[in-house]
Amino acid sequence: MARQRKNPGARKNVRVDLHKPGFLIPAPDAPWIACVILEVSDDGVCLDVGALSVPKIFGLAFTAGGEVLRVCSLIWRRGELIGARFVTAKELRQGFVLSEDADQNVPVT
């Protein structure tokens, strides 16, 4: 029997409304592209990227100087908003790759 959450509307992780500028990094040598970081949690982020085409794997700089960087994996897109999860250092060390299903990202084992 499946376990039910005490509060069906409760999220797995707490999200923080940020609404701050950030920079999407589509490739290592590509120019940084301004975006707005709307929400952030321990596991991921929601961004407003406008009409920008976003790769399935990208970098995200939380500051203009790049002091805070995360590698992200695109999970969903709704108009100008995207949701991405943070790729962990362990996944990167293990050779993170995208699966055939865009909603499922797995490390290589």
C-alpha atoms as a PDB file:
ATOM      1  CA  MET A   1       0.000   0.000   0.000  1.00  0.00           C
ATOM      2  CA  ALA A   2       1.317   3.429  -0.953  1.00  0.00           C
ATOM      3  CA  ARG A   3       2.163   5.920   1.755  1.00  0.00           C
ATOM      4  CA  GLN A   4       0.308   9.194   1.636  1.00  0.00           C
ATOM      5  CA  ARG A   5       1.753  12.522   2.632  1.00  0.00           C
ATOM      6  CA  LYS A   6       0.182  14.191   5.639  1.00  0.00           C
ATOM      7  CA  ASN A   7      -0.242  17.354   3.575  1.00  0.00           C
ATOM      8  CA  PRO A   8      -0.876  16.496  -0.104  1.00  0.00           C
ATOM      9  CA  GLY A   9       0.145  20.021  -1.150  1.00  0.00           C
ATOM     10  CA  ALA A  10       3.488  19.833   0.658  1.00  0.00           C
ATOM     11  CA  ARG A  11       6.627  19.792  -1.486  1.00  0.00           C
ATOM     12  CA  LYS A  12       9.542  17.449  -0.943  1.00  0.00           C
ATOM     13  CA  ASN A  13      11.940  20.398  -0.553  1.00  0.00           C
ATOM     14  CA  VAL A  14      11.418  23.944   0.642  1.00  0.00           C
ATOM     15  CA  ARG A  15      11.518  26.493  -2.177  1.00  0.00           C
ATOM     16  CA  VAL A  16      12.815  29.998  -1.704  1.00  0.00           C
ATOM     17  CA  ASP A  17      11.409  32.863  -3.791  1.00  0.00           C
ATOM     18  CA  LEU A  18      14.491  34.613  -5.089  1.00  0.00           C
ATOM     19  CA  HIS A  19      13.557  36.809  -8.095  1.00  0.00           C
ATOM     20  CA  LYS A  20      17.208  37.769  -8.702  1.00  0.00           C
ATOM     21  CA  PRO A  21      19.230  38.070 -11.904  1.00  0.00           C
ATOM     22  CA  GLY A  22      21.322  35.091 -12.909  1.00  0.00           C
ATOM     23  CA  PHE A  23      23.235  33.892 -15.954  1.00  0.00           C
ATOM     24  CA  LEU A  24      22.556  30.784 -18.007  1.00  0.00           C
ATOM     25  CA  ILE A  25      25.722  29.236 -19.466  1.00  0.00           C
ATOM     26  CA  PRO A  26      24.685  27.142 -22.483  1.00  0.00           C
ATOM     27  CA  ALA A  27      28.192  25.737 -23.149  1.00  0.00           C
ATOM     28  CA  PRO A  28      31.637  26.099 -21.522  1.00  0.00           C
ATOM     29  CA  ASP A  29      32.958  28.670 -24.040  1.00  0.00           C
ATOM     30  CA  ALA A  30      29.607  30.315 -24.831  1.00  0.00           C
ATOM     31  CA  PRO A  31      28.667  33.813 -23.671  1.00  0.00           C
ATOM     32  CA  TRP A  32      26.584  33.988 -20.521  1.00  0.00           C
ATOM     33  CA  ILE A  33      22.920  34.853 -21.057  1.00  0.00           C
ATOM     34  CA  ALA A  34      20.937  36.883 -18.518  1.00  0.00           C
ATOM     35  CA  CYS A  35      17.929  35.188 -16.924  1.00  0.00           C
ATOM     36  CA  VAL A  36      15.874  35.599 -13.746  1.00  0.00           C
ATOM     37  CA  ILE A  37      16.164  33.056 -10.944  1.00  0.00           C
ATOM     38  CA  LEU A  38      12.606  32.845  -9.635  1.00  0.00           C
ATOM     39  CA  GLU A  39      12.823  30.025  -7.089  1.00  0.00           C
ATOM     40  CA  VAL A  40      15.566  27.821  -5.725  1.00  0.00           C
ATOM     41  CA  SER A  41      15.549  24.694  -3.560  1.00  0.00           C
ATOM     42  CA  ASP A  42      18.166  22.187  -2.422  1.00  0.00           C
ATOM     43  CA  ASP A  43      17.568  20.122  -5.560  1.00  0.00           C
ATOM     44  CA  GLY A  44      16.787  22.605  -8.310  1.00  0.00           C
ATOM     45  CA  VAL A  45      15.696  25.935  -9.668  1.00  0.00           C
ATOM     46  CA  CYS A  46      12.940  27.700 -11.603  1.00  0.00           C
ATOM     47  CA  LEU A  47      14.125  30.263 -14.137  1.00  0.00           C
ATOM     48  CA  ASP A  48      12.534  32.843 -16.411  1.00  0.00           C
ATOM     49  CA  VAL A  49      14.506  32.573 -19.649  1.00  0.00           C
ATOM     50  CA  GLY A  50      12.143  34.350 -22.047  1.00  0.00           C
ATOM     51  CA  ALA A  51      12.148  32.827 -25.529  1.00  0.00           C
ATOM     52  CA  LEU A  52      15.720  31.548 -25.121  1.00  0.00           C
ATOM     53  CA  SER A  53      16.446  28.042 -26.360  1.00  0.00           C
ATOM     54  CA  VAL A  54      17.886  26.102 -23.421  1.00  0.00           C
ATOM     55  CA  PRO A  55      20.087  22.996 -23.755  1.00  0.00           C
ATOM     56  CA  LYS A  56      19.302  19.892 -21.697  1.00  0.00           C
ATOM     57  CA  ILE A  57      22.494  20.415 -19.650  1.00  0.00           C
ATOM     58  CA  PHE A  58      23.672  23.930 -18.808  1.00  0.00           C
ATOM     59  CA  GLY A  59      25.516  25.969 -16.240  1.00  0.00           C
ATOM     60  CA  LEU A  60      23.878  28.545 -13.997  1.00  0.00           C
ATOM     61  CA  ALA A  61      25.764  31.440 -12.411  1.00  0.00           C
ATOM     62  CA  PHE A  62      24.037  32.983  -9.414  1.00  0.00           C
ATOM     63  CA  THR A  63      26.343  36.014  -9.547  1.00  0.00           C
ATOM     64  CA  ALA A  64      27.778  38.129 -12.385  1.00  0.00           C
ATOM     65  CA  GLY A  65      31.300  37.240 -11.278  1.00  0.00           C
ATOM     66  CA  GLY A  66      30.560  33.518 -11.318  1.00  0.00           C
ATOM     67  CA  GLU A  67      31.394  32.957  -7.663  1.00  0.00           C
ATOM     68  CA  VAL A  68      28.397  30.611  -7.327  1.00  0.00           C
ATOM     69  CA  LEU A  69      27.952  28.143 -10.212  1.00  0.00           C
ATOM     70  CA  ARG A  70      25.781  25.026 -10.581  1.00  0.00           C
ATOM     71  CA  VAL A  71      25.412  22.465 -13.349  1.00  0.00           C
ATOM     72  CA  CYS A  72      21.728  21.976 -14.191  1.00  0.00           C
ATOM     73  CA  SER A  73      19.617  19.475 -16.087  1.00  0.00           C
ATOM     74  CA  LEU A  74      16.470  20.770 -17.818  1.00  0.00           C
ATOM     75  CA  ILE A  75      13.353  19.004 -16.491  1.00  0.00           C
ATOM     76  CA  TRP A  76      10.399  20.998 -17.839  1.00  0.00           C
ATOM     77  CA  ARG A  77       9.453  24.096 -19.805  1.00  0.00           C
ATOM     78  CA  ARG A  78       6.213  26.108 -19.666  1.00  0.00           C
ATOM     79  CA  GLY A  79       6.395  29.117 -21.964  1.00  0.00           C
ATOM     80  CA  GLU A  80       9.156  31.382 -20.712  1.00  0.00           C
ATOM     81  CA  LEU A  81       9.693  29.398 -17.488  1.00  0.00           C
ATOM     82  CA  ILE A  82      11.916  26.364 -17.046  1.00  0.00           C
ATOM     83  CA  GLY A  83      12.506  23.978 -14.182  1.00  0.00           C
ATOM     84  CA  ALA A  84      15.887  22.326 -13.743  1.00  0.00           C
ATOM     85  CA  ARG A  85      17.470  20.075 -11.188  1.00  0.00           C
ATOM     86  CA  PHE A  86      21.005  20.488  -9.945  1.00  0.00           C
ATOM     87  CA  VAL A  87      23.435  17.814 -11.099  1.00  0.00           C
ATOM     88  CA  THR A  88      25.451  16.643  -8.098  1.00  0.00           C
ATOM     89  CA  ALA A  89      29.235  16.465  -7.955  1.00  0.00           C
ATOM     90  CA  LYS A  90      28.913  12.689  -7.519  1.00  0.00           C
ATOM     91  CA  GLU A  91      26.890  12.427 -10.745  1.00  0.00           C
ATOM     92  CA  LEU A  92      29.487  14.508 -12.588  1.00  0.00           C
ATOM     93  CA  ARG A  93      32.334  12.308 -11.277  1.00  0.00           C
ATOM     94  CA  GLN A  94      30.413   9.208 -12.411  1.00  0.00           C
ATOM     95  CA  GLY A  95      29.919  10.613 -15.919  1.00  0.00           C
ATOM     96  CA  PHE A  96      26.415  12.092 -15.900  1.00  0.00           C
ATOM     97  CA  VAL A  97      24.492  11.543 -19.161  1.00  0.00           C
ATOM     98  CA  LEU A  98      20.957  12.232 -20.283  1.00  0.00           C
ATOM     99  CA  SER A  99      18.645   9.276 -20.717  1.00  0.00           C
ATOM    100  CA  GLU A 100      16.351   8.930 -23.742  1.00  0.00           C
ATOM    101  CA  ASP A 101      13.438  10.178 -21.617  1.00  0.00           C
ATOM    102  CA  ALA A 102      13.916  13.940 -21.090  1.00  0.00           C
ATOM    103  CA  ASP A 103      12.296  13.693 -17.644  1.00  0.00           C
ATOM    104  CA  GLN A 104      14.752  11.054 -16.412  1.00  0.00           C
ATOM    105  CA  ASN A 105      18.441  11.948 -16.019  1.00  0.00           C
ATOM    106  CA  VAL A 106      20.769   9.270 -14.740  1.00  0.00           C
ATOM    107  CA  PRO A 107      24.459   8.917 -13.983  1.00  0.00           C
ATOM    108  CA  VAL A 108      26.483   6.339 -15.881  1.00  0.00           C
ATOM    109  CA  THR A 109      27.342   3.398 -13.613  1.00  0.00           C
END
